[in-house]
Protein backbone atom coordinates (compact mmCIF):
# COMPACT_ATOMS: atom_id res chain seq x y z
CA MET A 1 -0.17 -10.26 -37.09
CA LEU A 2 1.20 -6.79 -36.43
CA VAL A 3 -1.02 -6.06 -33.60
CA ARG A 4 -0.13 -9.43 -32.04
CA CYS A 5 3.55 -8.56 -32.40
CA LEU A 6 3.06 -5.08 -30.66
CA LEU A 7 1.10 -6.89 -27.99
CA VAL A 8 3.98 -9.19 -27.20
CA VAL A 9 6.36 -6.05 -26.99
CA ALA A 10 4.06 -4.38 -24.59
CA LEU A 11 3.41 -7.49 -22.36
CA ALA A 12 7.10 -8.22 -22.11
CA ALA A 13 7.84 -4.68 -20.93
CA VAL A 14 4.98 -4.86 -18.35
CA VAL A 15 6.11 -8.25 -16.93
CA ALA A 16 9.66 -7.51 -16.69
CA ALA A 17 9.76 -3.99 -15.62
CA ALA A 18 6.39 -2.86 -14.19
CA ALA A 19 5.93 -5.78 -12.07
CA GLY A 20 9.00 -5.00 -10.05
CA ARG A 21 8.20 -1.44 -9.79
CA LEU A 22 4.63 -1.73 -8.75
CA ALA A 23 5.57 -4.40 -6.26
CA LEU A 24 7.93 -2.03 -4.65
CA ALA A 25 5.33 0.68 -4.59
CA LYS A 26 2.92 -1.63 -2.88
CA GLU A 27 5.54 -2.68 -0.34
CA ASN A 28 6.51 0.86 0.39
CA ASN A 29 2.90 1.63 1.28
CA GLY A 30 2.29 -1.27 3.73
CA GLY A 31 1.03 -3.71 1.20
CA ARG A 32 -1.70 -1.35 -0.04
CA ALA A 33 -2.14 0.23 -3.40
CA ARG A 34 -1.57 4.03 -3.25
CA TRP A 35 -3.30 6.15 -6.04
CA GLN A 36 -1.72 9.41 -6.80
CA VAL A 37 -3.08 12.42 -8.69
CA TYR A 38 -1.72 12.34 -12.22
CA SER A 39 1.17 14.77 -12.65
CA PRO A 40 3.09 15.46 -15.78
CA ALA A 41 6.35 15.98 -13.90
CA PRO A 42 6.33 13.88 -10.68
CA SER A 43 9.20 13.84 -8.32
CA PRO A 44 11.69 10.90 -8.62
CA LYS A 45 10.65 9.49 -5.16
CA LYS A 46 7.04 9.10 -6.44
CA HIS A 47 7.56 8.25 -10.14
CA PRO A 48 7.19 4.48 -10.58
CA CYS A 49 9.24 4.55 -13.83
CA LEU A 50 12.30 5.72 -11.82
CA GLU A 51 11.94 3.36 -8.70
CA ASN A 52 13.73 0.38 -10.41
CA PRO A 53 16.19 1.51 -12.96
CA PRO A 54 17.67 -0.92 -15.49
CA ASN A 55 21.03 -2.53 -15.04
CA MET A 56 22.98 -1.07 -17.82
CA THR A 57 25.99 -3.46 -17.38
CA GLU A 58 23.82 -6.60 -17.10
CA ASN A 59 24.96 -9.52 -19.27
CA THR A 60 21.99 -10.88 -21.13
CA GLY A 61 23.81 -13.27 -23.32
CA GLY A 62 24.67 -10.90 -26.27
CA GLU A 63 22.71 -9.04 -28.70
CA ALA A 64 21.40 -10.37 -32.07
CA GLY A 65 21.17 -6.95 -33.57
CA ASP A 66 23.40 -3.98 -34.38
CA VAL A 67 23.65 -0.28 -33.65
CA VAL A 68 23.27 1.81 -36.81
CA HIS A 69 23.92 5.56 -37.00
CA GLY A 70 21.94 8.06 -38.93
CA TYR A 71 18.92 5.82 -39.71
CA GLY A 72 16.26 8.47 -40.31
CA GLY A 73 18.58 10.82 -38.45
CA LEU A 74 18.71 8.66 -35.37
CA GLU A 75 21.01 6.29 -33.74
CA CYS A 76 19.14 2.87 -33.41
CA TYR A 77 19.51 -0.68 -32.24
CA VAL A 78 18.01 -2.75 -35.05
CA THR A 79 17.40 -6.47 -35.03
CA GLY A 80 15.71 -9.01 -37.23
CA SER A 81 15.53 -9.35 -40.86
CA ARG A 82 14.50 -6.44 -43.21
CA ARG A 83 12.92 -9.04 -45.36
CA SER A 84 10.07 -9.51 -42.78
CA GLY A 85 7.06 -9.28 -45.11
CA GLY A 86 7.26 -5.51 -44.98
CA ARG A 87 6.38 -5.27 -41.31
CA ALA A 88 8.36 -3.32 -38.76
CA VAL A 89 8.06 -2.35 -35.10
CA ILE A 90 9.56 0.66 -33.45
CA LEU A 91 10.00 0.14 -29.78
CA VAL A 92 10.42 3.29 -27.66
CA SER A 93 12.24 3.15 -24.31
CA ASP A 94 11.40 4.65 -20.98
CA TYR A 95 13.52 7.55 -19.40
CA TYR A 96 16.62 5.29 -19.31
CA GLY A 97 17.07 5.11 -23.09
CA PHE A 98 17.72 2.52 -25.69
CA ARG A 99 20.98 1.07 -24.33
CA ALA A 100 19.28 -0.97 -21.64
CA PRO A 101 20.35 -4.67 -22.31
CA LYS A 102 16.97 -6.18 -21.41
CA LEU A 103 15.20 -3.73 -23.70
CA ARG A 104 17.38 -4.96 -26.54
CA LYS A 105 16.93 -8.52 -25.51
CA LYS A 106 13.18 -8.19 -25.84
CA ALA A 107 13.55 -6.53 -29.21
CA ASP A 108 15.55 -9.63 -30.34
CA LYS A 109 12.95 -11.80 -29.09
CA VAL A 110 10.15 -10.14 -30.82
CA ALA A 111 12.11 -10.10 -34.04
CA TYR A 112 12.98 -13.70 -33.87
CA GLN A 113 9.71 -15.12 -32.68
CA LEU A 114 7.30 -13.22 -34.87
CA GLY A 115 9.38 -12.28 -37.78
CA CYS A 116 9.27 -8.48 -37.31
CA TYR A 117 11.96 -6.13 -38.06
CA VAL A 118 12.38 -4.15 -34.77
CA VAL A 119 14.09 -0.83 -34.40
CA VAL A 120 14.82 0.68 -30.96
CA PRO A 121 15.71 4.42 -31.58
CA ASP A 122 17.78 6.68 -29.35
CA LEU A 123 15.08 9.40 -28.97
CA LEU A 124 16.94 10.76 -25.83
CA PHE A 125 19.96 11.52 -28.12
CA GLY A 126 22.61 10.12 -25.79
CA ASP A 127 21.13 11.86 -22.74
CA PRO A 128 18.97 9.37 -20.70
CA TYR A 129 18.05 10.03 -17.29
CA THR A 130 20.81 8.90 -14.91
CA ASP A 131 19.57 9.29 -11.36
CA ASP A 132 22.17 12.00 -10.94
CA PRO A 133 21.09 14.17 -7.92
CA ALA A 134 22.90 17.12 -9.50
CA ARG A 135 20.22 17.01 -12.22
CA PRO A 136 16.81 16.33 -10.74
CA PHE A 137 14.18 14.58 -12.96
CA GLU A 138 12.20 17.84 -12.99
CA GLU A 139 15.06 19.64 -14.79
CA TRP A 140 15.85 16.64 -16.92
CA ILE A 141 12.43 16.17 -18.37
CA LYS A 142 12.12 19.74 -19.35
CA THR A 143 14.58 19.06 -22.27
CA HIS A 144 13.18 15.64 -23.31
CA SER A 145 9.64 16.17 -24.65
CA PRO A 146 7.95 13.05 -25.94
CA VAL A 147 5.83 15.14 -28.30
CA GLU A 148 9.19 16.45 -29.81
CA ALA A 149 10.46 12.94 -29.89
CA ALA A 150 7.53 11.65 -31.85
CA GLU A 151 8.21 14.21 -34.50
CA LYS A 152 11.81 13.15 -34.68
CA THR A 153 10.55 9.67 -35.18
CA LYS A 154 8.70 10.49 -38.46
CA PRO A 155 11.93 10.65 -40.51
CA LEU A 156 12.73 7.13 -39.22
CA ILE A 157 9.37 5.76 -40.29
CA ALA A 158 10.02 7.41 -43.83
CA ALA A 159 13.42 5.71 -43.92
CA LEU A 160 11.83 2.26 -42.99
CA LYS A 161 9.22 2.80 -45.78
CA LYS A 162 11.91 3.84 -48.34
CA ASP A 163 13.64 0.61 -47.49
CA GLY A 164 10.48 -1.40 -48.37
CA THR A 165 8.54 -1.54 -45.07
CA SER A 166 4.88 -1.30 -45.79
CA THR A 167 3.48 -1.51 -42.24
CA VAL A 168 4.89 0.19 -39.16
CA GLY A 169 3.60 -0.37 -35.66
CA VAL A 170 4.93 1.42 -32.49
CA GLY A 171 5.30 -0.04 -28.93
CA GLY A 172 6.14 2.22 -26.02
CA TYR A 173 6.75 1.90 -22.39
CA CYS A 174 6.45 4.64 -19.72
CA TRP A 175 7.91 7.80 -21.42
CA GLY A 176 7.81 5.96 -24.67
CA GLY A 177 4.16 5.42 -24.26
CA LYS A 178 3.45 9.12 -24.79
CA VAL A 179 5.75 9.05 -27.79
CA ALA A 180 3.70 6.06 -29.25
CA VAL A 181 0.45 7.89 -28.47
CA GLU A 182 1.62 10.93 -30.38
CA LEU A 183 2.45 8.70 -33.29
CA SER A 184 -0.99 7.13 -33.13
CA LYS A 185 -2.43 10.36 -34.12
CA THR A 186 -0.84 10.25 -37.55
CA GLU A 187 -1.24 8.32 -40.69
CA GLU A 188 2.32 6.97 -40.44
CA THR A 189 1.54 4.08 -37.98
CA LYS A 190 -0.84 1.21 -38.31
CA ALA A 191 -0.99 0.04 -34.75
CA VAL A 192 0.19 1.15 -31.32
CA VAL A 193 0.66 -0.58 -27.92
CA ILE A 194 1.49 1.33 -24.79
CA SER A 195 2.26 -0.10 -21.39
CA HIS A 196 2.61 1.60 -18.01
CA PRO A 197 2.24 4.85 -19.80
CA ALA A 198 3.48 8.24 -18.52
CA LEU A 199 2.38 11.64 -19.44
CA VAL A 200 -0.62 10.28 -21.41
CA VAL A 201 -3.81 12.23 -20.76
CA VAL A 202 -7.43 11.75 -21.64
CA ASP A 203 -7.54 14.35 -24.37
CA ASP A 204 -4.72 12.40 -26.27
CA MET A 205 -7.29 9.70 -26.97
CA LYS A 206 -9.45 12.11 -28.81
CA GLU A 207 -6.85 12.26 -31.56
CA VAL A 208 -6.05 8.66 -31.98
CA ILE A 209 -6.61 7.35 -35.49
CA CYS A 210 -5.14 3.92 -35.46
CA PRO A 211 -5.72 0.67 -33.54
CA ILE A 212 -4.25 0.99 -29.97
CA GLU A 213 -3.88 -1.27 -27.10
CA ILE A 214 -3.36 0.19 -23.56
CA LEU A 215 -1.78 -1.86 -20.86
CA GLY A 216 -1.85 -0.57 -17.29
CA GLY A 217 -0.87 -2.05 -13.97
CA GLU A 218 -3.55 -2.68 -11.37
CA LEU A 219 -1.27 -1.18 -8.73
CA ASP A 220 0.27 1.44 -10.98
CA THR A 221 0.43 4.84 -9.49
CA ILE A 222 1.46 6.98 -12.44
CA SER A 223 -1.29 5.53 -14.66
CA PRO A 224 -3.75 3.98 -12.28
CA PRO A 225 -6.82 1.88 -13.19
CA GLN A 226 -8.89 5.13 -13.06
CA LEU A 227 -6.95 6.86 -15.66
CA ILE A 228 -6.71 3.70 -17.82
CA HIS A 229 -10.52 3.41 -17.89
CA GLN A 230 -10.86 7.17 -18.67
CA LEU A 231 -8.59 6.67 -21.73
CA GLU A 232 -10.75 3.65 -22.79
CA ASP A 233 -14.00 5.84 -22.29
CA ALA A 234 -12.45 8.56 -24.41
CA LEU A 235 -11.66 6.05 -27.20
CA ASP A 236 -15.19 4.74 -27.12
CA GLN A 237 -16.72 8.28 -27.65
CA ASP A 238 -14.32 8.97 -30.64
CA LYS A 239 -15.99 8.06 -33.82
CA ARG A 240 -12.76 8.01 -35.62
CA ALA A 241 -11.52 5.17 -33.29
CA SER A 242 -14.75 3.36 -32.95
CA SER A 243 -14.15 0.79 -35.77
CA ASN A 244 -10.58 0.26 -34.59
CA CYS A 245 -9.20 -2.24 -32.28
CA ARG A 246 -8.76 -0.28 -28.90
CA LEU A 247 -8.50 -2.08 -25.66
CA ALA A 248 -7.49 -1.05 -22.08
CA THR A 249 -6.13 -4.07 -19.91
CA LEU A 250 -5.01 -4.14 -16.28
CA ILE A 251 -2.02 -6.38 -15.40
CA ARG A 252 -2.09 -7.77 -11.92
């Protein structure tokens, strides 16, 4: 059930966000897919995660959850009942952070439909990327390491378990995909789903120890099909992951 819950999280993110960005990338290239060499710090003009930023003032009809402060040391949007059979999902945002209305709406939907307690932490600590020309992406990303963010998520997982959660899964989109992968290397999480991942490399898969689902876009330029298949191959070669559910899927 947890894996299914995480899959819904990832699919929702892919359909709502990646589709628009990948379509735009295709249109800008005369209708053809354009594969780029993977770069850990691409420029804003070439980074699909930045081509279609979320509307932070969009009215999505209200939020079912609440913002809490100091939960595992983090500000978080939480939704769903804590009495959810001991299951929780941590949903990690892209570069634009946890305040995006549609992101919270998706968290509400997963919590309601699948009975999961969903937590969306502010792992950018009030400093999301804002498309400010005075602060280029290459400078902003230097102070927002997804590896460090994963470490700062561990106290949140501990807080969830202290509150009675027995099983924690993580879903991550774009920048959040790298955070989720880092957490898949630990004993703290039981399942992980990443979609349209940024900054994830083949060597990461050699350390994965929990079930993982990787969702990539057929026209994705930051994580093209070639990279997705390489990630899958690396999982297949890892004996620690051989008995786990690990899939790589391309979304058209």
